[in-house]
C-alpha atoms as a PDB file:
ATOM      1  CA  MET A   1      -0.353   0.045  -0.170  1.00  0.00           C
ATOM      2  CA  PHE A   2       1.372   3.290  -1.046  1.00  0.00           C
ATOM      3  CA  ASN A   3       1.230   5.915   1.442  1.00  0.00           C
ATOM      4  CA  VAL A   4       0.793   8.865   0.612  1.00  0.00           C
ATOM      5  CA  ALA A   5       0.924  11.480   2.959  1.00  0.00           C
ATOM      6  CA  SER A   6       4.325  10.147   3.997  1.00  0.00           C
ATOM      7  CA  TYR A   7       5.668   8.895   0.641  1.00  0.00           C
ATOM      8  CA  PRO A   8       3.842  12.264  -2.074  1.00  0.00           C
ATOM      9  CA  GLN A   9       6.490  11.830  -4.858  1.00  0.00           C
ATOM     10  CA  ALA A  10       7.997   8.072  -6.638  1.00  0.00           C
ATOM     11  CA  GLU A  11      10.873   8.785  -9.106  1.00  0.00           C
ATOM     12  CA  PHE A  12      13.170   7.649 -11.571  1.00  0.00           C
ATOM     13  CA  VAL A  13      16.732   7.670 -12.850  1.00  0.00           C
ATOM     14  CA  ALA A  14      17.109   6.991 -15.955  1.00  0.00           C
ATOM     15  CA  ALA A  15      21.228   4.676 -15.561  1.00  0.00           C
ATOM     16  CA  ASP A  16      21.235   3.464 -19.279  1.00  0.00           C
ATOM     17  CA  LEU A  17      19.108   3.262 -22.629  1.00  0.00           C
ATOM     18  CA  LYS A  18      19.195   0.441 -25.384  1.00  0.00           C
ATOM     19  CA  ARG A  19      18.731   1.779 -29.329  1.00  0.00           C
ATOM     20  CA  LEU A  20      17.933  -0.344 -32.326  1.00  0.00           C
ATOM     21  CA  ALA A  21      18.299   1.479 -35.358  1.00  0.00           C
ATOM     22  CA  ASP A  22      17.267   5.031 -34.190  1.00  0.00           C
ATOM     23  CA  GLN A  23      14.866   3.920 -31.720  1.00  0.00           C
ATOM     24  CA  VAL A  24      15.258   3.733 -28.145  1.00  0.00           C
ATOM     25  CA  LYS A  25      14.724  -0.323 -26.806  1.00  0.00           C
ATOM     26  CA  ARG A  26      14.670  -0.708 -23.716  1.00  0.00           C
ATOM     27  CA  VAL A  27      14.872   1.517 -20.262  1.00  0.00           C
ATOM     28  CA  THR A  28      17.384   0.769 -17.394  1.00  0.00           C
ATOM     29  CA  GLY A  29      16.695   2.418 -13.583  1.00  0.00           C
ATOM     30  CA  GLN A  30      16.410   3.069 -10.335  1.00  0.00           C
ATOM     31  CA  MET A  31      12.335   3.595  -9.625  1.00  0.00           C
ATOM     32  CA  THR A  32      11.906   5.029  -5.695  1.00  0.00           C
ATOM     33  CA  LEU A  33       8.704   4.150  -3.485  1.00  0.00           C
ATOM     34  CA  VAL A  34       8.411   4.257  -0.563  1.00  0.00           C
ATOM     35  CA  GLY A  35      11.445   5.370   0.433  1.00  0.00           C
ATOM     36  CA  LYS A  36      13.408   2.780  -1.529  1.00  0.00           C
ATOM     37  CA  ALA A  37      15.013   2.619  -4.633  1.00  0.00           C
ATOM     38  CA  ASN A  38      15.005  -0.337  -6.407  1.00  0.00           C
ATOM     39  CA  PRO A  39      16.163  -1.324 -10.892  1.00  0.00           C
ATOM     40  CA  VAL A  40      14.251  -1.715 -12.704  1.00  0.00           C
ATOM     41  CA  ILE A  41      14.683  -2.353 -16.370  1.00  0.00           C
ATOM     42  CA  LEU A  42      11.336  -0.006 -18.721  1.00  0.00           C
ATOM     43  CA  THR A  43      10.556  -2.527 -22.415  1.00  0.00           C
ATOM     44  CA  ALA A  44       9.297   0.218 -24.471  1.00  0.00           C
ATOM     45  CA  ALA A  45       6.905  -0.123 -27.036  1.00  0.00           C
ATOM     46  CA  TYR A  46       6.559   3.694 -28.441  1.00  0.00           C
ATOM     47  CA  PHE A  47       8.999   6.538 -27.866  1.00  0.00           C
ATOM     48  CA  LYS A  48       8.986   9.728 -28.960  1.00  0.00           C
ATOM     49  CA  CYS A  49      11.657  12.430 -28.298  1.00  0.00           C
ATOM     50  CA  TYR A  50      11.427  15.922 -29.039  1.00  0.00           C
END
């Protein structure tokens, strides 16, 4: 359960981007929820950079 009063923010800090041609396919980093950081890998189905 999230304790929003004590931990009102979630944070993701990217550490690495894996590309295939000109598209980002995977992002690795640290996700902090409820004051605890854990490693995560996000797989991109669609990624648009400006």
